[in-house]
N, C-alpha and C. Protein backbone atom coordinates (compact mmCIF):
# COMPACT_ATOMS: atom_id res chain seq x y z
N MET A 1 -1.29 -23.84 8.76
CA MET A 1 -1.51 -24.06 7.34
C MET A 1 -0.18 -24.12 6.56
N ASN A 2 0.76 -24.70 7.25
CA ASN A 2 2.12 -24.95 6.62
C ASN A 2 3.14 -23.80 6.35
N ASP A 3 2.56 -22.53 6.85
CA ASP A 3 3.50 -21.43 6.77
C ASP A 3 4.61 -21.49 7.91
N ARG A 4 5.73 -21.05 7.58
CA ARG A 4 6.80 -21.07 8.66
C ARG A 4 7.46 -19.64 8.58
N ILE A 5 7.50 -18.96 9.82
CA ILE A 5 8.27 -17.79 9.92
C ILE A 5 9.21 -17.76 11.01
N GLU A 6 10.32 -17.30 10.77
CA GLU A 6 11.54 -17.12 11.69
C GLU A 6 11.66 -15.70 11.99
N LEU A 7 11.33 -15.29 13.25
CA LEU A 7 11.60 -13.88 13.65
C LEU A 7 13.10 -13.62 13.89
N VAL A 8 13.40 -12.54 13.18
CA VAL A 8 14.91 -12.03 13.19
C VAL A 8 15.18 -10.97 14.22
N GLY A 9 14.24 -9.98 14.35
CA GLY A 9 14.54 -9.01 15.33
C GLY A 9 13.25 -7.98 15.30
N ILE A 10 13.32 -7.16 16.48
CA ILE A 10 12.26 -6.28 16.67
C ILE A 10 12.87 -4.92 16.94
N SER A 11 12.50 -3.76 16.32
CA SER A 11 13.02 -2.54 16.70
C SER A 11 11.94 -1.43 16.59
N LEU A 12 12.31 -0.24 17.27
CA LEU A 12 11.38 0.92 17.22
C LEU A 12 11.92 1.87 16.14
N GLU A 13 11.09 2.17 15.18
CA GLU A 13 11.80 2.96 13.99
C GLU A 13 10.88 4.21 13.84
N LYS A 14 11.41 5.32 13.34
CA LYS A 14 10.70 6.59 12.98
C LYS A 14 9.66 6.06 11.88
N SER A 15 8.59 6.63 12.03
CA SER A 15 7.56 6.34 11.04
C SER A 15 7.84 6.75 9.65
N GLN A 16 7.54 5.85 8.68
CA GLN A 16 7.76 6.23 7.37
C GLN A 16 6.65 7.20 6.68
N ARG A 17 5.68 7.57 7.48
CA ARG A 17 4.61 8.53 7.13
C ARG A 17 5.15 9.88 7.05
N GLY A 18 6.35 10.18 7.65
CA GLY A 18 6.79 11.48 7.54
C GLY A 18 6.47 12.42 8.78
N ASP A 19 5.70 11.88 9.68
CA ASP A 19 5.32 12.63 10.89
C ASP A 19 6.29 12.19 12.05
N SER A 20 5.90 12.70 13.22
CA SER A 20 6.99 12.40 14.35
C SER A 20 6.50 11.31 15.16
N THR A 21 5.82 10.40 14.64
CA THR A 21 5.43 9.15 15.32
C THR A 21 6.55 8.02 15.08
N PHE A 22 6.34 6.96 15.78
CA PHE A 22 7.29 5.83 15.74
C PHE A 22 6.31 4.56 15.38
N GLU A 23 7.10 3.57 14.91
CA GLU A 23 6.41 2.30 14.64
C GLU A 23 7.36 1.13 14.94
N THR A 24 6.74 0.07 15.32
CA THR A 24 7.45 -1.14 15.66
C THR A 24 7.71 -1.90 14.37
N SER A 25 8.96 -2.26 14.15
CA SER A 25 9.35 -3.04 12.91
C SER A 25 9.76 -4.42 13.34
N ILE A 26 9.20 -5.37 12.76
CA ILE A 26 9.44 -6.82 13.14
C ILE A 26 10.14 -7.59 11.79
N SER A 27 11.27 -7.89 11.91
CA SER A 27 11.94 -8.52 10.86
C SER A 27 11.94 -10.06 10.94
N PHE A 28 11.76 -10.70 9.73
CA PHE A 28 11.52 -12.17 9.70
C PHE A 28 11.84 -12.71 8.29
N TYR A 29 12.20 -13.97 8.20
CA TYR A 29 12.25 -14.76 7.17
C TYR A 29 11.04 -15.71 7.12
N GLY A 30 10.62 -16.01 6.02
CA GLY A 30 9.43 -16.99 5.97
C GLY A 30 9.42 -17.85 4.71
N GLU A 31 8.74 -18.97 4.80
CA GLU A 31 8.39 -19.76 3.74
C GLU A 31 6.85 -20.09 3.92
N ILE A 32 6.06 -19.57 2.86
CA ILE A 32 4.66 -19.68 2.96
C ILE A 32 4.17 -20.49 1.75
N GLU A 33 2.98 -21.23 2.10
CA GLU A 33 2.48 -22.09 1.08
C GLU A 33 1.13 -21.46 0.60
N ASN A 34 0.65 -20.39 1.30
CA ASN A 34 -0.61 -19.70 1.08
C ASN A 34 -0.44 -18.45 0.42
N GLU A 35 -1.39 -17.96 -0.46
CA GLU A 35 -1.35 -16.90 -1.27
C GLU A 35 -1.11 -15.76 -0.52
N THR A 36 -0.34 -14.60 -0.83
CA THR A 36 -0.21 -13.41 -0.11
C THR A 36 -0.85 -12.25 -0.74
N GLY A 37 -1.57 -12.34 -1.72
CA GLY A 37 -2.23 -11.19 -2.45
C GLY A 37 -3.43 -10.52 -1.76
N HIS A 38 -4.09 -11.34 -0.89
CA HIS A 38 -5.35 -10.97 -0.28
C HIS A 38 -5.30 -11.12 1.20
N GLU A 39 -4.16 -11.25 1.85
CA GLU A 39 -4.05 -11.56 3.31
C GLU A 39 -4.27 -10.17 3.95
N GLU A 40 -4.55 -10.36 5.30
CA GLU A 40 -4.75 -9.10 6.20
C GLU A 40 -4.09 -9.50 7.49
N TRP A 41 -2.89 -8.76 7.84
CA TRP A 41 -2.16 -9.02 8.91
C TRP A 41 -2.56 -8.13 10.08
N LYS A 42 -2.61 -8.68 11.31
CA LYS A 42 -2.96 -7.96 12.49
C LYS A 42 -2.10 -8.41 13.58
N ALA A 43 -1.81 -7.45 14.58
CA ALA A 43 -0.89 -7.75 15.76
C ALA A 43 -1.76 -7.48 16.95
N TYR A 44 -1.54 -8.17 18.05
CA TYR A 44 -2.27 -8.03 19.30
C TYR A 44 -1.25 -7.89 20.44
N ASP A 45 -1.45 -6.85 21.27
CA ASP A 45 -0.61 -6.79 22.54
C ASP A 45 -1.28 -7.72 23.61
N SER A 46 -0.53 -7.79 24.78
CA SER A 46 -0.96 -8.63 25.82
C SER A 46 -2.32 -8.28 26.51
N ALA A 47 -2.73 -6.99 26.28
CA ALA A 47 -4.06 -6.57 26.78
C ALA A 47 -5.14 -6.85 25.69
N GLY A 48 -4.83 -7.26 24.51
CA GLY A 48 -5.78 -7.57 23.45
C GLY A 48 -5.99 -6.47 22.69
N LYS A 49 -5.33 -5.32 22.65
CA LYS A 49 -5.41 -4.37 21.68
C LYS A 49 -4.99 -4.79 20.28
N GLN A 50 -5.66 -4.39 19.29
CA GLN A 50 -5.39 -4.80 17.96
C GLN A 50 -4.74 -3.52 17.13
N TYR A 51 -3.73 -3.96 16.33
CA TYR A 51 -3.07 -3.02 15.66
C TYR A 51 -2.97 -3.51 14.17
N ASP A 52 -3.09 -2.57 13.22
CA ASP A 52 -3.00 -2.86 11.74
C ASP A 52 -1.51 -3.17 11.50
N VAL A 53 -1.26 -4.05 10.45
CA VAL A 53 0.14 -4.38 10.20
C VAL A 53 0.30 -4.07 8.70
N ILE A 54 1.33 -3.43 8.27
CA ILE A 54 1.66 -3.14 6.95
C ILE A 54 2.99 -4.09 6.64
N THR A 55 2.94 -4.83 5.60
CA THR A 55 4.02 -5.67 5.22
C THR A 55 4.87 -5.04 4.12
N MET A 56 6.14 -5.10 4.27
CA MET A 56 7.07 -4.67 3.22
C MET A 56 8.32 -5.53 3.23
N GLY A 57 8.79 -5.65 1.96
CA GLY A 57 9.94 -6.61 1.76
C GLY A 57 9.84 -7.33 0.44
N VAL A 58 10.78 -8.09 0.13
CA VAL A 58 10.88 -8.77 -1.08
C VAL A 58 10.44 -10.30 -0.89
N SER A 59 9.74 -10.69 -1.76
CA SER A 59 9.31 -12.25 -1.73
C SER A 59 9.55 -12.66 -3.02
N SER A 60 9.59 -14.03 -3.13
CA SER A 60 10.03 -14.82 -4.40
C SER A 60 9.39 -16.09 -4.41
N LEU A 61 9.12 -16.59 -5.55
CA LEU A 61 8.54 -17.96 -5.64
C LEU A 61 9.61 -18.94 -5.81
N GLU A 62 9.65 -20.06 -5.04
CA GLU A 62 10.71 -21.03 -4.94
C GLU A 62 10.08 -22.31 -5.49
N ASN A 63 10.88 -23.14 -6.20
CA ASN A 63 10.60 -24.42 -6.65
C ASN A 63 9.09 -24.52 -7.19
N THR A 64 8.77 -23.62 -8.01
CA THR A 64 7.43 -23.58 -8.60
C THR A 64 7.42 -23.78 -10.07
N LEU A 65 6.39 -24.12 -10.61
CA LEU A 65 6.25 -24.29 -12.11
C LEU A 65 5.67 -22.87 -12.67
N THR A 66 6.21 -22.66 -13.80
CA THR A 66 5.84 -21.34 -14.50
C THR A 66 4.32 -21.04 -14.56
N ASP A 67 3.51 -21.99 -14.68
CA ASP A 67 2.03 -21.90 -14.74
C ASP A 67 1.36 -22.30 -13.46
N HIS A 68 2.09 -22.78 -12.39
CA HIS A 68 1.30 -23.15 -11.27
C HIS A 68 2.22 -22.89 -10.12
N TRP A 69 2.05 -21.71 -9.45
CA TRP A 69 3.02 -21.30 -8.36
C TRP A 69 2.78 -22.11 -7.15
N ARG A 70 1.73 -22.80 -6.93
CA ARG A 70 1.34 -23.60 -5.66
C ARG A 70 2.19 -24.77 -5.60
N GLU A 71 2.92 -25.24 -6.64
CA GLU A 71 3.68 -26.47 -6.56
C GLU A 71 4.96 -26.17 -5.65
N GLY A 72 5.28 -24.99 -5.44
CA GLY A 72 6.50 -24.78 -4.57
C GLY A 72 6.03 -23.90 -3.30
N TYR A 73 6.69 -22.78 -2.99
CA TYR A 73 6.31 -22.01 -1.96
C TYR A 73 6.71 -20.55 -2.19
N ILE A 74 6.35 -19.63 -1.35
CA ILE A 74 6.72 -18.04 -1.45
C ILE A 74 7.83 -17.96 -0.30
N SER A 75 8.90 -17.49 -0.73
CA SER A 75 9.98 -17.12 0.26
C SER A 75 9.84 -15.51 0.62
N MET A 76 9.75 -15.28 1.77
CA MET A 76 9.64 -13.94 2.24
C MET A 76 10.95 -13.47 2.86
N GLY A 77 11.65 -12.45 2.22
CA GLY A 77 13.01 -12.05 2.74
C GLY A 77 13.87 -12.79 1.72
N ASP A 78 15.13 -12.28 1.83
CA ASP A 78 16.25 -12.91 0.97
C ASP A 78 17.39 -13.18 1.98
N ARG A 79 17.60 -14.52 2.27
CA ARG A 79 18.55 -14.92 3.10
C ARG A 79 19.96 -14.82 2.47
N ASN A 80 20.07 -14.93 1.14
CA ASN A 80 21.41 -14.69 0.46
C ASN A 80 21.95 -13.32 0.77
N SER A 81 21.07 -12.44 0.59
CA SER A 81 21.51 -11.02 0.79
C SER A 81 21.32 -10.48 2.25
N GLN A 82 20.87 -11.40 3.11
CA GLN A 82 20.74 -11.01 4.46
C GLN A 82 19.71 -9.87 4.75
N GLN A 83 18.58 -9.95 3.85
CA GLN A 83 17.62 -8.93 3.94
C GLN A 83 16.25 -9.54 4.30
N PRO A 84 15.96 -9.53 5.60
CA PRO A 84 14.65 -10.18 6.02
C PRO A 84 13.57 -9.30 5.56
N TYR A 85 12.27 -9.80 5.59
CA TYR A 85 11.12 -9.32 5.20
C TYR A 85 10.63 -8.31 6.24
């Protein structure tokens, strides 16, 4: 669907829920042409087990018109500040 994602890294991090669990963090940059407001992200391991995904990061509209964002794309992460999504 014309979305492009570039994986930057994967790490195991202490959960942000405040408990003693850990979570996998996947860092990436992306340029997407599809709306991000109503998406649902899922991850699957090699055995087919499904995991819910929570997205966090900064996104911005690029090359868009003020009244019509679909003329451009949504940039996920900030390459200038070296902050992936």
